[in-house]
Protein backbone atom coordinates (compact mmCIF):
# COMPACT_ATOMS: atom_id res chain seq x y z
CA MET A 1 0.94 -19.16 -17.27
CA GLN A 2 -2.55 -20.56 -16.67
CA GLN A 3 -1.13 -24.09 -16.66
CA LYS A 4 1.36 -23.07 -13.96
CA ARG A 5 -1.43 -21.57 -11.86
CA ASN A 6 -3.50 -24.71 -12.20
CA GLN A 7 -0.46 -26.74 -11.14
CA GLN A 8 0.00 -24.53 -8.07
CA ALA A 9 -3.68 -24.80 -7.15
CA GLU A 10 -3.40 -28.59 -7.05
CA ILE A 11 -0.70 -28.48 -4.36
CA ARG A 12 -2.08 -28.43 -0.83
CA LEU A 13 0.40 -27.79 1.96
CA GLY A 14 -0.28 -28.34 5.63
CA SER A 15 -2.59 -31.33 5.19
CA HIS A 16 -0.44 -33.63 7.35
CA GLY A 17 -0.30 -31.46 10.45
CA GLU A 18 2.68 -29.33 9.40
CA ASP A 19 3.37 -26.06 11.24
CA TYR A 20 3.96 -23.17 8.86
CA GLY A 21 3.19 -20.41 11.35
CA SER A 22 2.05 -16.95 10.33
CA TRP A 23 3.68 -13.75 9.10
CA MET A 24 2.12 -11.98 12.09
CA SER A 25 4.50 -13.12 14.82
CA ASN A 26 3.66 -13.93 18.44
CA PRO A 27 5.91 -11.23 19.98
CA VAL A 28 3.76 -8.56 18.31
CA PHE A 29 0.75 -9.84 20.25
CA TYR A 30 2.70 -10.08 23.49
CA ILE A 31 4.01 -6.52 23.23
CA ILE A 32 0.71 -4.89 22.26
CA GLY A 33 -1.21 -7.05 24.74
CA GLY A 34 1.16 -6.09 27.53
CA ILE A 35 0.91 -2.40 26.75
CA THR A 36 -2.89 -2.68 26.61
CA ALA A 37 -2.98 -4.34 30.04
CA LEU A 38 -0.71 -1.62 31.43
CA ALA A 39 -2.99 1.10 29.99
CA VAL A 40 -6.01 -0.54 31.66
CA VAL A 41 -4.24 -0.60 35.03
CA LEU A 42 -3.16 3.04 34.69
CA ALA A 43 -6.69 4.08 33.73
CA ILE A 44 -8.12 2.35 36.81
CA LEU A 45 -5.51 3.88 39.09
CA SER A 46 -6.07 7.33 37.62
CA PHE A 47 -9.80 7.20 38.36
CA SER A 48 -9.89 5.28 41.64
CA VAL A 49 -6.59 6.07 43.40
CA PHE A 50 -5.17 9.31 42.03
CA HIS A 51 -8.60 10.81 41.19
CA ILE A 52 -7.20 12.51 38.11
CA THR A 53 -10.09 12.35 35.67
CA ALA A 54 -8.23 13.79 32.67
CA LEU A 55 -5.45 11.23 33.05
CA GLY A 56 -8.00 8.43 33.43
CA VAL A 57 -9.77 9.50 30.24
CA LEU A 58 -6.44 9.63 28.41
CA PHE A 59 -5.49 6.10 29.44
CA SER A 60 -9.02 4.90 28.61
CA VAL A 61 -8.66 6.27 25.08
CA VAL A 62 -5.23 4.63 24.75
CA THR A 63 -6.74 1.34 25.94
CA ALA A 64 -9.53 1.55 23.35
CA VAL A 65 -7.05 2.26 20.54
CA LEU A 66 -4.78 -0.60 21.56
CA ALA A 67 -7.75 -2.97 21.89
CA ALA A 68 -8.81 -2.06 18.34
CA LEU A 69 -5.24 -2.67 17.19
CA LEU A 70 -5.26 -6.12 18.80
CA VAL A 71 -8.49 -6.98 16.99
CA TRP A 72 -6.98 -5.80 13.71
CA ILE A 73 -3.75 -7.80 13.96
CA THR A 74 -5.71 -10.86 15.15
CA TRP A 75 -7.76 -10.60 11.94
CA ILE A 76 -4.58 -10.22 9.88
CA ARG A 77 -3.03 -13.26 11.55
CA ARG A 78 -6.13 -15.29 10.75
CA GLN A 79 -6.07 -14.18 7.11
CA TYR A 80 -2.42 -15.17 6.73
CA ALA A 81 -2.77 -18.59 8.38
CA PHE A 82 -2.79 -21.75 6.25
CA GLY A 83 -5.87 -22.96 8.10
CA GLY A 84 -7.52 -19.55 7.97
CA GLY A 85 -7.66 -17.06 5.11
CA GLY A 86 -4.82 -18.78 3.28
CA ILE A 87 -3.15 -15.57 2.09
CA MET A 88 0.35 -16.94 2.75
CA GLU A 89 -0.33 -19.91 0.50
CA GLN A 90 -1.96 -17.75 -2.17
CA VAL A 91 1.09 -15.48 -2.31
CA HIS A 92 3.35 -18.52 -2.65
CA ARG A 93 1.25 -19.78 -5.55
CA VAL A 94 1.56 -16.44 -7.32
CA VAL A 95 5.33 -16.22 -6.81
CA LEU A 96 6.01 -19.69 -8.23
CA SER A 97 3.54 -19.29 -11.09
CA HIS A 98 5.70 -16.43 -12.40
CA LEU A 99 9.00 -18.33 -12.12
CA ASP A 100 10.00 -19.48 -15.62
CA TYR A 101 11.81 -22.55 -14.31
CA ASP A 102 12.10 -25.94 -16.00
CA GLY A 103 12.62 -27.75 -12.69
CA GLN A 104 16.13 -28.97 -13.50
CA GLY A 105 19.09 -28.37 -11.21
CA SER A 106 18.96 -26.44 -7.96
CA LEU A 107 16.80 -23.72 -6.45
CA LEU A 108 17.54 -21.35 -3.56
CA GLU A 109 15.01 -19.57 -1.37
CA VAL A 110 16.45 -16.55 0.41
CA GLY A 111 14.66 -16.24 3.76
CA CYS A 112 12.75 -19.53 3.97
CA GLY A 113 11.09 -18.96 7.38
CA SER A 114 9.09 -22.09 8.20
CA GLY A 115 10.00 -23.71 4.87
CA ALA A 116 6.58 -23.40 3.23
CA LEU A 117 7.69 -21.84 -0.06
CA SER A 118 10.77 -24.08 -0.37
CA ILE A 119 8.60 -27.14 0.19
CA ARG A 120 6.03 -25.92 -2.36
CA ALA A 121 8.87 -25.48 -4.86
CA ALA A 122 10.08 -29.03 -4.18
CA LEU A 123 6.56 -30.37 -4.72
CA THR A 124 6.18 -28.30 -7.89
CA TRP A 125 9.46 -29.47 -9.45
CA PRO A 126 10.14 -33.09 -8.33
CA GLU A 127 13.57 -33.24 -10.00
CA SER A 128 14.91 -30.06 -8.40
CA LYS A 129 17.14 -29.81 -5.33
CA VAL A 130 15.93 -27.02 -3.04
CA THR A 131 17.98 -25.05 -0.52
CA GLY A 132 16.21 -22.85 2.02
CA MET A 133 18.32 -20.23 3.78
CA ASP A 134 17.26 -18.08 6.73
CA TYR A 135 18.70 -16.13 9.65
CA TRP A 136 15.89 -17.43 11.89
CA GLY A 137 15.81 -14.49 14.28
CA ALA A 138 13.92 -14.41 17.56
CA VAL A 139 10.86 -12.53 16.21
CA TYR A 140 9.32 -15.61 14.59
CA ASN A 141 9.04 -19.13 15.98
CA TYR A 142 10.83 -20.50 12.93
CA SER A 143 13.95 -22.68 12.92
CA LYS A 144 16.00 -25.10 10.83
CA ALA A 145 14.51 -27.98 12.82
CA LEU A 146 10.96 -26.81 12.06
CA CYS A 147 11.74 -26.54 8.32
CA GLU A 148 13.23 -30.03 8.28
CA LYS A 149 10.25 -31.45 10.17
CA ASN A 150 7.80 -29.83 7.73
CA ALA A 151 9.77 -31.07 4.71
CA ALA A 152 9.84 -34.62 6.07
CA SER A 153 6.10 -34.53 6.75
CA GLU A 154 5.41 -33.34 3.19
CA GLY A 155 7.64 -36.09 1.76
CA VAL A 156 10.39 -33.89 0.28
CA ALA A 157 13.10 -34.11 2.94
CA SER A 158 15.49 -35.89 0.56
CA ARG A 159 15.44 -32.91 -1.83
CA CYS A 160 15.34 -30.02 0.66
CA VAL A 161 18.31 -28.66 2.59
CA PHE A 162 17.96 -25.82 5.10
CA ARG A 163 20.87 -23.60 6.16
CA HIS A 164 21.43 -20.68 8.48
CA GLY A 165 22.59 -17.60 6.61
CA ASP A 166 22.54 -13.85 6.08
CA ALA A 167 20.83 -12.28 3.06
CA ASN A 168 23.45 -9.52 3.09
CA HIS A 169 26.24 -11.99 2.42
CA LEU A 170 25.08 -15.32 1.03
CA ASP A 171 27.47 -18.15 1.85
CA PHE A 172 27.44 -19.54 -1.69
CA PRO A 173 29.84 -19.07 -4.60
CA ASP A 174 28.86 -17.04 -7.65
CA GLU A 175 26.47 -18.82 -10.04
CA SER A 176 25.53 -21.68 -7.68
CA PHE A 177 21.80 -22.03 -8.43
CA ASP A 178 19.51 -22.42 -11.43
CA ALA A 179 16.69 -20.48 -9.76
CA VAL A 180 16.43 -18.04 -6.86
CA ILE A 181 13.24 -17.04 -5.06
CA SER A 182 12.41 -14.89 -2.06
CA ASN A 183 9.22 -13.73 -0.39
CA TYR A 184 8.74 -10.78 2.01
CA VAL A 185 12.27 -11.00 3.38
CA TYR A 186 14.39 -8.05 2.33
CA HIS A 187 12.32 -5.33 4.05
CA ASN A 188 12.98 -7.13 7.36
CA VAL A 189 16.77 -6.75 7.01
CA MET A 190 17.29 -3.66 9.12
CA GLY A 191 19.45 -0.88 7.67
CA ALA A 192 20.19 -2.72 4.44
CA ASP A 193 20.37 -1.28 0.94
CA MET A 194 17.52 -3.08 -0.83
CA HIS A 195 19.11 -2.92 -4.27
CA LYS A 196 22.34 -4.43 -2.91
CA LEU A 197 20.31 -7.22 -1.27
CA LEU A 198 18.63 -8.01 -4.57
CA LEU A 199 21.96 -8.02 -6.41
CA GLU A 200 23.47 -10.30 -3.75
CA SER A 201 20.65 -12.80 -4.34
CA LEU A 202 21.23 -12.56 -8.09
CA ARG A 203 24.98 -13.05 -7.63
CA VAL A 204 24.49 -16.72 -6.77
CA LEU A 205 22.24 -17.31 -9.81
CA LYS A 206 23.78 -19.14 -12.76
CA LYS A 207 23.92 -17.55 -16.18
CA GLY A 208 20.59 -18.43 -17.77
CA GLY A 209 19.00 -18.99 -14.37
CA VAL A 210 15.66 -17.46 -13.38
CA PHE A 211 14.48 -15.46 -10.39
CA ALA A 212 11.27 -14.38 -8.66
CA LEU A 213 11.81 -11.98 -5.74
CA ASN A 214 8.70 -10.73 -3.97
CA ASP A 215 8.61 -8.06 -1.26
CA ASP A 216 6.71 -5.08 0.10
CA MET A 217 8.63 -2.64 -2.10
CA LYS A 218 7.75 0.65 -0.47
CA PRO A 219 9.43 3.55 -2.34
CA LYS A 220 10.94 4.89 0.90
CA LEU A 221 12.82 1.58 1.26
CA TYR A 222 13.35 0.54 -2.35
CA GLY A 223 13.47 3.80 -4.24
CA ASP A 224 12.46 3.63 -7.90
CA MET A 225 12.21 -0.06 -8.75
CA ASP A 226 11.43 0.66 -12.39
CA VAL A 227 14.86 2.29 -12.64
CA PHE A 228 16.43 -0.74 -10.94
CA ALA A 229 14.67 -3.12 -13.33
CA GLN A 230 16.05 -1.13 -16.26
CA LYS A 231 19.53 -1.33 -14.69
CA LEU A 232 19.25 -5.11 -14.67
CA ARG A 233 18.28 -5.10 -18.34
CA GLU A 234 21.33 -2.98 -19.11
CA MET A 235 23.47 -5.48 -17.18
CA GLY A 236 22.28 -8.22 -19.55
CA TYR A 237 19.36 -9.70 -17.60
CA GLN A 238 16.46 -10.80 -19.79
CA ASN A 239 12.67 -10.70 -19.48
CA VAL A 240 12.90 -8.47 -16.40
CA ARG A 241 9.46 -7.46 -15.15
CA LEU A 242 7.81 -6.02 -12.08
CA ILE A 243 4.49 -7.68 -11.21
CA ASP A 244 1.88 -6.15 -8.93
CA THR A 245 1.38 -8.92 -6.37
CA ALA A 246 -0.73 -6.68 -4.13
CA GLU A 247 -3.43 -6.88 -6.78
CA GLU A 248 -2.77 -10.42 -7.97
CA ALA A 249 -2.28 -12.22 -4.63
CA PHE A 250 -4.53 -10.20 -2.31
CA GLY A 251 -7.25 -9.26 -4.78
CA SER A 252 -6.86 -5.50 -4.38
CA HIS A 253 -4.44 -2.87 -3.16
CA ARG A 254 -6.89 -1.94 -0.43
CA ARG A 255 -6.97 -5.47 0.99
CA ALA A 256 -3.20 -5.77 0.74
CA ALA A 257 -2.79 -2.45 2.57
CA MET A 258 -5.14 -3.65 5.33
CA MET A 259 -2.69 -6.53 5.83
CA MET A 260 0.33 -4.18 5.86
CA LEU A 261 1.60 -5.33 2.45
CA GLY A 262 0.10 -2.72 0.15
CA SER A 263 3.28 -2.16 -1.91
CA SER A 264 3.85 -5.81 -2.80
CA ARG A 265 5.74 -6.29 -6.08
CA LEU A 266 7.47 -9.24 -7.65
CA LEU A 267 10.72 -8.86 -9.58
CA VAL A 268 11.17 -11.64 -12.15
CA GLY A 269 13.54 -12.34 -15.00
CA ARG A 270 16.44 -14.42 -16.33
CA LYS A 271 20.16 -13.81 -15.83
């Protein structure tokens, strides 16, 4: 395990001008910033035009709260950024360090975003073919073209393929890949059954293949994951474990919670 971590530490992504974005998306800033500006205008109007002091005080309080929220999410964005706090990259290192993969065959990332984790996997295992799949919704400025550009810049374009897809119904036959990974994707699939999503990702894993699936596994979304892990063992999966990535990747549960990922857990094992 220590050797894998040392190997991950040696890989430096983003050193050629690649754009890997941030998990704190731009629309969040636009929405909160717009509401803050509106609250400021309403506060001014309440005091100077309508002369309703109570309403002016209310909108002033709302403005202060929203301003504090903007400062908070700006800090989070900075912590996530590759050129900032580097949390995104640290999480990726942790995920791959727990994947018991020999680097042979093919690997799938479910929800590849900007391609950072897929590209790290390709750099980690030079003989592996990597497929990154994502829905690429409007919330993030991610796209297939961006992933391909990043992969080419990092020198792994010949071994990385990126495809549009839906985590609910993966467009791959059963037992297509030797390894499957995912990182903070499933909780973004609105209205989905998390256990069914996990099983769909495992469906495309070959017998003997390995997996490392990381997410913010809040009990209200995921239910009892220890029970689910036991279910996998009963289905014949081997070495199934749940790893506390809030502690391991962020340094503490408190810091992970401050970045809205306090229930981070990694599900690993072999089919």
